Amino acid sequence: MPSWSEYKTIARERGALAMELYCVESTPAAAPEEMQKHLLDHLAYQKMREAEGKLVLAGPLSDESGTEMTGGGMIIYRASSLEEATQFAAEDPMHKAGARNFTIRCWLVNEGSLSFTISLSDQRVSIS
């Protein structure tokens, strides 16, 4: 298996986008009532990162059945490095308060198609 850096080069050479994004899985570390105390600050923080162009997508995750909330979520950041993305995640009020823990991984986006911009918290869609 090639290293991460080698794989990015291989992907680009074969014509893939090889755009690096950062996936944060945020998992409950406190009771729901404790997480609720930090929800508005968390959402304001997400909106700020979105306005900066750093937040790509974010939202809650269901359980494996797809029918129940887990209290956790997925956050996708655009950052210059894993270290910067980790800093974004660590500064999230949910994580800072210890209401949620997070794990973060690099994601090399190679395939797919997008032709619109969605600003979720502002409920805006731009189609080009």
N, C-alpha and C. Protein backbone atom coordinates (compact mmCIF):
# COMPACT_ATOMS: atom_id res chain seq x y z
N MET A 1 0.85 -1.18 0.00
CA MET A 1 0.00 0.00 0.00
C MET A 1 0.90 1.24 0.00
N PRO A 2 0.65 2.20 -0.92
CA PRO A 2 1.47 3.41 -0.95
C PRO A 2 1.16 4.31 0.26
N SER A 3 2.08 5.21 0.56
CA SER A 3 1.85 6.20 1.63
C SER A 3 0.76 7.16 1.17
N TRP A 4 0.25 7.95 2.09
CA TRP A 4 -0.80 8.94 1.77
C TRP A 4 -0.29 9.89 0.69
N SER A 5 0.91 10.41 0.86
CA SER A 5 1.49 11.34 -0.10
C SER A 5 1.68 10.69 -1.47
N GLU A 6 2.17 9.47 -1.48
CA GLU A 6 2.35 8.75 -2.74
C GLU A 6 1.01 8.52 -3.43
N TYR A 7 -0.01 8.18 -2.64
CA TYR A 7 -1.32 7.93 -3.23
C TYR A 7 -1.90 9.19 -3.85
N LYS A 8 -1.71 10.35 -3.20
CA LYS A 8 -2.19 11.62 -3.78
C LYS A 8 -1.54 11.85 -5.15
N THR A 9 -0.26 11.60 -5.25
CA THR A 9 0.45 11.76 -6.52
C THR A 9 -0.10 10.79 -7.56
N ILE A 10 -0.28 9.54 -7.19
CA ILE A 10 -0.82 8.53 -8.11
C ILE A 10 -2.21 8.94 -8.59
N ALA A 11 -3.04 9.41 -7.66
CA ALA A 11 -4.40 9.81 -8.02
C ALA A 11 -4.38 10.97 -9.01
N ARG A 12 -3.55 11.97 -8.76
CA ARG A 12 -3.45 13.11 -9.69
C ARG A 12 -2.94 12.67 -11.06
N GLU A 13 -1.96 11.77 -11.07
CA GLU A 13 -1.40 11.29 -12.34
C GLU A 13 -2.43 10.55 -13.19
N ARG A 14 -3.39 9.90 -12.54
CA ARG A 14 -4.41 9.20 -13.32
C ARG A 14 -5.60 10.12 -13.65
N GLY A 15 -5.49 11.41 -13.26
CA GLY A 15 -6.51 12.38 -13.63
C GLY A 15 -7.56 12.64 -12.58
N ALA A 16 -7.41 12.09 -11.38
CA ALA A 16 -8.38 12.33 -10.31
C ALA A 16 -8.15 13.71 -9.69
N LEU A 17 -9.15 14.23 -9.07
CA LEU A 17 -9.06 15.54 -8.42
C LEU A 17 -8.04 15.54 -7.29
N ALA A 18 -8.07 14.54 -6.44
CA ALA A 18 -7.15 14.42 -5.30
C ALA A 18 -7.20 15.66 -4.41
N MET A 19 -8.42 16.11 -4.09
CA MET A 19 -8.62 17.25 -3.20
C MET A 19 -8.69 16.73 -1.76
N GLU A 20 -7.86 17.27 -0.91
CA GLU A 20 -7.81 16.81 0.46
C GLU A 20 -8.77 17.63 1.33
N LEU A 21 -9.69 16.94 1.96
CA LEU A 21 -10.60 17.52 2.94
C LEU A 21 -10.37 16.76 4.25
N TYR A 22 -11.03 17.21 5.31
CA TYR A 22 -10.82 16.62 6.63
C TYR A 22 -12.16 16.28 7.26
N CYS A 23 -12.34 15.02 7.62
CA CYS A 23 -13.59 14.51 8.19
C CYS A 23 -13.45 14.39 9.70
N VAL A 24 -14.37 15.00 10.39
CA VAL A 24 -14.41 14.94 11.85
C VAL A 24 -15.65 14.16 12.24
N GLU A 25 -15.47 13.10 13.01
CA GLU A 25 -16.61 12.42 13.61
C GLU A 25 -16.67 12.88 15.06
N SER A 26 -17.79 13.48 15.41
CA SER A 26 -18.01 14.03 16.74
C SER A 26 -18.96 13.11 17.49
N THR A 27 -18.52 12.59 18.63
CA THR A 27 -19.31 11.60 19.36
C THR A 27 -19.62 12.08 20.77
N PRO A 28 -20.78 11.71 21.31
CA PRO A 28 -21.18 12.17 22.64
C PRO A 28 -20.17 11.76 23.72
N ALA A 29 -19.93 12.69 24.62
CA ALA A 29 -19.07 12.42 25.78
C ALA A 29 -19.77 12.85 27.06
N ALA A 30 -21.02 13.30 26.91
CA ALA A 30 -21.78 13.79 28.06
C ALA A 30 -23.26 13.47 27.83
N ALA A 31 -24.04 13.66 28.84
CA ALA A 31 -25.49 13.44 28.75
C ALA A 31 -26.10 14.43 27.74
N PRO A 32 -27.22 14.05 27.13
CA PRO A 32 -27.87 14.94 26.16
C PRO A 32 -28.14 16.34 26.70
N GLU A 33 -28.49 16.44 27.97
CA GLU A 33 -28.77 17.75 28.57
C GLU A 33 -27.52 18.63 28.56
N GLU A 34 -26.36 18.02 28.80
CA GLU A 34 -25.10 18.76 28.79
C GLU A 34 -24.77 19.21 27.37
N MET A 35 -24.97 18.34 26.39
CA MET A 35 -24.71 18.72 25.01
C MET A 35 -25.63 19.86 24.58
N GLN A 36 -26.89 19.79 25.02
CA GLN A 36 -27.88 20.83 24.67
C GLN A 36 -27.43 22.21 25.15
N LYS A 37 -26.73 22.28 26.28
CA LYS A 37 -26.24 23.55 26.81
C LYS A 37 -25.28 24.24 25.84
N HIS A 38 -24.60 23.47 25.02
CA HIS A 38 -23.58 24.02 24.12
C HIS A 38 -24.03 24.09 22.67
N LEU A 39 -25.27 23.70 22.40
CA LEU A 39 -25.74 23.60 21.02
C LEU A 39 -25.72 24.94 20.29
N LEU A 40 -26.25 25.99 20.90
CA LEU A 40 -26.30 27.28 20.20
C LEU A 40 -24.90 27.81 19.90
N ASP A 41 -23.97 27.66 20.85
CA ASP A 41 -22.59 28.09 20.60
C ASP A 41 -21.95 27.25 19.51
N HIS A 42 -22.23 25.96 19.51
CA HIS A 42 -21.72 25.05 18.48
C HIS A 42 -22.23 25.48 17.11
N LEU A 43 -23.52 25.76 17.00
CA LEU A 43 -24.10 26.16 15.72
C LEU A 43 -23.55 27.50 15.25
N ALA A 44 -23.35 28.44 16.18
CA ALA A 44 -22.75 29.73 15.82
C ALA A 44 -21.32 29.54 15.33
N TYR A 45 -20.60 28.66 15.97
CA TYR A 45 -19.23 28.36 15.55
C TYR A 45 -19.21 27.76 14.14
N GLN A 46 -20.12 26.83 13.88
CA GLN A 46 -20.21 26.22 12.56
C GLN A 46 -20.52 27.28 11.51
N LYS A 47 -21.43 28.18 11.83
CA LYS A 47 -21.81 29.24 10.88
C LYS A 47 -20.61 30.14 10.60
N MET A 48 -19.81 30.44 11.62
CA MET A 48 -18.62 31.26 11.44
C MET A 48 -17.62 30.57 10.50
N ARG A 49 -17.36 29.27 10.73
CA ARG A 49 -16.43 28.53 9.86
C ARG A 49 -16.97 28.44 8.44
N GLU A 50 -18.29 28.32 8.31
CA GLU A 50 -18.90 28.30 6.98
C GLU A 50 -18.66 29.62 6.26
N ALA A 51 -18.86 30.74 6.96
CA ALA A 51 -18.65 32.06 6.37
C ALA A 51 -17.19 32.27 5.96
N GLU A 52 -16.27 31.65 6.68
CA GLU A 52 -14.85 31.73 6.35
C GLU A 52 -14.47 30.84 5.16
N GLY A 53 -15.40 29.99 4.74
CA GLY A 53 -15.11 29.06 3.66
C GLY A 53 -14.39 27.80 4.13
N LYS A 54 -14.36 27.56 5.43
CA LYS A 54 -13.65 26.41 5.99
C LYS A 54 -14.56 25.21 6.24
N LEU A 55 -15.84 25.46 6.47
CA LEU A 55 -16.80 24.37 6.72
C LEU A 55 -17.43 23.96 5.40
N VAL A 56 -17.26 22.72 5.01
CA VAL A 56 -17.82 22.22 3.76
C VAL A 56 -19.23 21.68 4.01
N LEU A 57 -19.36 20.76 4.94
CA LEU A 57 -20.64 20.14 5.29
C LEU A 57 -20.59 19.76 6.76
N ALA A 58 -21.75 19.75 7.40
CA ALA A 58 -21.82 19.29 8.79
C ALA A 58 -23.26 18.94 9.12
N GLY A 59 -23.41 18.01 10.05
CA GLY A 59 -24.74 17.66 10.50
C GLY A 59 -24.73 16.43 11.36
N PRO A 60 -25.88 16.13 11.98
CA PRO A 60 -25.98 14.99 12.89
C PRO A 60 -25.93 13.66 12.15
N LEU A 61 -25.54 12.62 12.88
CA LEU A 61 -25.52 11.26 12.37
C LEU A 61 -26.60 10.43 13.07
N SER A 62 -27.19 9.52 12.33
CA SER A 62 -28.15 8.57 12.92
C SER A 62 -27.39 7.36 13.46
N ASP A 63 -28.14 6.49 14.11
CA ASP A 63 -27.56 5.19 14.47
C ASP A 63 -27.54 4.31 13.22
N GLU A 64 -27.11 3.06 13.37
CA GLU A 64 -26.97 2.16 12.22
C GLU A 64 -28.30 1.85 11.54
N SER A 65 -29.41 1.96 12.27
CA SER A 65 -30.71 1.68 11.68
C SER A 65 -31.23 2.84 10.83
N GLY A 66 -30.65 4.01 11.01
CA GLY A 66 -31.11 5.19 10.29
C GLY A 66 -32.36 5.80 10.87
N THR A 67 -32.75 5.37 12.07
CA THR A 67 -34.01 5.85 12.66
C THR A 67 -33.84 6.62 13.96
N GLU A 68 -32.69 6.53 14.59
CA GLU A 68 -32.49 7.17 15.90
C GLU A 68 -31.31 8.13 15.85
N MET A 69 -31.40 9.23 16.60
CA MET A 69 -30.30 10.17 16.73
C MET A 69 -29.25 9.58 17.69
N THR A 70 -28.00 9.91 17.44
CA THR A 70 -26.93 9.42 18.31
C THR A 70 -26.37 10.51 19.22
N GLY A 71 -26.64 11.78 18.90
CA GLY A 71 -26.03 12.88 19.63
C GLY A 71 -24.69 13.28 19.03
N GLY A 72 -24.25 12.54 18.03
CA GLY A 72 -22.99 12.83 17.37
C GLY A 72 -23.22 13.41 15.99
N GLY A 73 -22.13 13.70 15.30
CA GLY A 73 -22.25 14.26 13.98
C GLY A 73 -20.99 14.10 13.16
N MET A 74 -21.08 14.55 11.91
CA MET A 74 -19.96 14.54 10.97
C MET A 74 -19.73 15.97 10.52
N ILE A 75 -18.47 16.37 10.49
CA ILE A 75 -18.08 17.70 10.05
C ILE A 75 -16.99 17.53 9.01
N ILE A 76 -17.13 18.22 7.88
CA ILE A 76 -16.12 18.17 6.83
C ILE A 76 -15.52 19.58 6.72
N TYR A 77 -14.21 19.66 6.96
CA TYR A 77 -13.50 20.94 6.86
C TYR A 77 -12.62 21.00 5.63
N ARG A 78 -12.47 22.21 5.13
CA ARG A 78 -11.47 22.55 4.12
C ARG A 78 -10.37 23.26 4.90
N ALA A 79 -9.16 22.73 4.87
CA ALA A 79 -8.06 23.31 5.64
C ALA A 79 -6.75 23.11 4.89
N SER A 80 -5.74 23.81 5.32
CA SER A 80 -4.43 23.71 4.67
C SER A 80 -3.64 22.50 5.14
N SER A 81 -4.07 21.91 6.27
CA SER A 81 -3.34 20.76 6.83
C SER A 81 -4.22 20.05 7.85
N LEU A 82 -3.80 18.86 8.19
CA LEU A 82 -4.49 18.11 9.25
C LEU A 82 -4.41 18.89 10.56
N GLU A 83 -3.29 19.54 10.81
CA GLU A 83 -3.13 20.31 12.04
C GLU A 83 -4.14 21.46 12.11
N GLU A 84 -4.33 22.17 11.00
CA GLU A 84 -5.30 23.27 10.99
C GLU A 84 -6.71 22.74 11.20
N ALA A 85 -7.06 21.66 10.52
CA ALA A 85 -8.39 21.07 10.67
C ALA A 85 -8.61 20.58 12.11
N THR A 86 -7.57 20.02 12.71
CA THR A 86 -7.67 19.57 14.11
C THR A 86 -7.90 20.76 15.02
N GLN A 87 -7.26 21.88 14.73
CA GLN A 87 -7.49 23.10 15.52
C GLN A 87 -8.93 23.56 15.39
N PHE A 88 -9.49 23.53 14.16
CA PHE A 88 -10.90 23.90 13.97
C PHE A 88 -11.79 23.03 14.84
N ALA A 89 -11.56 21.73 14.80
CA ALA A 89 -12.40 20.79 15.58
C ALA A 89 -12.23 21.04 17.08
N ALA A 90 -11.01 21.26 17.52
CA ALA A 90 -10.75 21.46 18.96
C ALA A 90 -11.40 22.74 19.47
N GLU A 91 -11.54 23.75 18.61
CA GLU A 91 -12.14 25.02 19.01
C GLU A 91 -13.66 24.99 19.00
N ASP A 92 -14.26 23.94 18.47
CA ASP A 92 -15.72 23.82 18.47
C ASP A 92 -16.19 23.79 19.93
N PRO A 93 -17.17 24.63 20.29
CA PRO A 93 -17.62 24.69 21.68
C PRO A 93 -18.06 23.34 22.26
N MET A 94 -18.62 22.46 21.45
CA MET A 94 -18.99 21.12 21.95
C MET A 94 -17.76 20.35 22.42
N HIS A 95 -16.69 20.44 21.63
CA HIS A 95 -15.47 19.72 21.95
C HIS A 95 -14.71 20.41 23.08
N LYS A 96 -14.65 21.74 23.03
CA LYS A 96 -13.96 22.50 24.07
C LYS A 96 -14.55 22.24 25.45
N ALA A 97 -15.88 22.10 25.50
CA ALA A 97 -16.57 21.89 26.78
C ALA A 97 -16.51 20.44 27.24
N GLY A 98 -16.06 19.54 26.37
CA GLY A 98 -16.02 18.13 26.72
C GLY A 98 -17.36 17.43 26.56
N ALA A 99 -18.33 18.09 25.91
CA ALA A 99 -19.64 17.48 25.71
C ALA A 99 -19.58 16.43 24.59
N ARG A 100 -18.63 16.60 23.69
CA ARG A 100 -18.39 15.63 22.62
C ARG A 100 -16.88 15.44 22.47
N ASN A 101 -16.50 14.25 22.03
CA ASN A 101 -15.13 13.97 21.63
C ASN A 101 -15.10 13.94 20.11
N PHE A 102 -13.90 14.00 19.53
CA PHE A 102 -13.83 13.90 18.08
C PHE A 102 -12.63 13.09 17.63
N THR A 103 -12.80 12.50 16.46
CA THR A 103 -11.70 11.90 15.72
C THR A 103 -11.68 12.59 14.37
N ILE A 104 -10.51 12.67 13.80
CA ILE A 104 -10.37 13.38 12.53
C ILE A 104 -9.49 12.57 11.59
N ARG A 105 -9.86 12.60 10.31
CA ARG A 105 -9.08 11.90 9.29
C ARG A 105 -9.03 12.73 8.02
N CYS A 106 -7.97 12.55 7.26
CA CYS A 106 -7.88 13.14 5.93
C CYS A 106 -8.78 12.36 4.99
N TRP A 107 -9.37 13.07 4.03
CA TRP A 107 -10.21 12.43 3.02
C TRP A 107 -9.75 12.95 1.66
N LEU A 108 -9.32 12.07 0.82
CA LEU A 108 -8.88 12.44 -0.51
C LEU A 108 -10.07 12.27 -1.45
N VAL A 109 -10.63 13.38 -1.90
CA VAL A 109 -11.81 13.36 -2.77
C VAL A 109 -11.32 13.23 -4.20
N ASN A 110 -11.65 12.11 -4.83
CA ASN A 110 -11.20 11.84 -6.19
C ASN A 110 -12.31 11.91 -7.22
N GLU A 111 -13.47 11.36 -6.92
CA GLU A 111 -14.54 11.25 -7.89
C GLU A 111 -15.80 11.92 -7.36
N GLY A 112 -16.69 12.23 -8.28
CA GLY A 112 -17.98 12.81 -7.94
C GLY A 112 -18.22 14.07 -8.76
N SER A 113 -19.36 14.69 -8.57
CA SER A 113 -19.71 15.88 -9.34
C SER A 113 -20.56 16.81 -8.49
N LEU A 114 -20.19 18.06 -8.44
CA LEU A 114 -20.97 19.10 -7.78
C LEU A 114 -21.03 20.30 -8.71
N SER A 115 -22.19 20.89 -8.86
CA SER A 115 -22.32 22.07 -9.72
C SER A 115 -23.18 23.15 -9.07
N PHE A 116 -23.18 23.19 -7.74
CA PHE A 116 -23.95 24.19 -7.03
C PHE A 116 -23.28 24.49 -5.70
N THR A 117 -23.64 25.62 -5.11
CA THR A 117 -23.15 26.01 -3.79
C THR A 117 -24.34 26.11 -2.87
N ILE A 118 -24.23 25.47 -1.72
CA ILE A 118 -25.29 25.52 -0.72
C ILE A 118 -24.70 26.09 0.56
N SER A 119 -25.31 27.14 1.07
CA SER A 119 -24.96 27.68 2.37
C SER A 119 -26.07 27.26 3.32
N LEU A 120 -25.85 26.17 4.04
CA LEU A 120 -26.92 25.51 4.80
C LEU A 120 -27.51 26.39 5.90
N SER A 121 -26.66 27.00 6.70
CA SER A 121 -27.20 27.76 7.83
C SER A 121 -27.93 29.02 7.38
N ASP A 122 -27.59 29.53 6.20
CA ASP A 122 -28.29 30.69 5.64
C ASP A 122 -29.39 30.29 4.68
N GLN A 123 -29.53 28.99 4.44
CA GLN A 123 -30.55 28.45 3.55
C GLN A 123 -30.48 29.08 2.16
N ARG A 124 -29.25 29.16 1.60
CA ARG A 124 -29.04 29.72 0.28
C ARG A 124 -28.53 28.65 -0.66
N VAL A 125 -28.99 28.70 -1.91
CA VAL A 125 -28.50 27.80 -2.95
C VAL A 125 -28.12 28.64 -4.15
N SER A 126 -26.95 28.40 -4.69
CA SER A 126 -26.49 29.07 -5.90
C SER A 126 -26.16 28.01 -6.93
N ILE A 127 -26.80 28.07 -8.08
CA ILE A 127 -26.54 27.09 -9.13
C ILE A 127 -25.80 27.81 -10.27
N SER A 128 -24.69 27.21 -10.69
CA SER A 128 -23.93 27.83 -11.77
C SER A 128 -23.85 26.93 -12.97
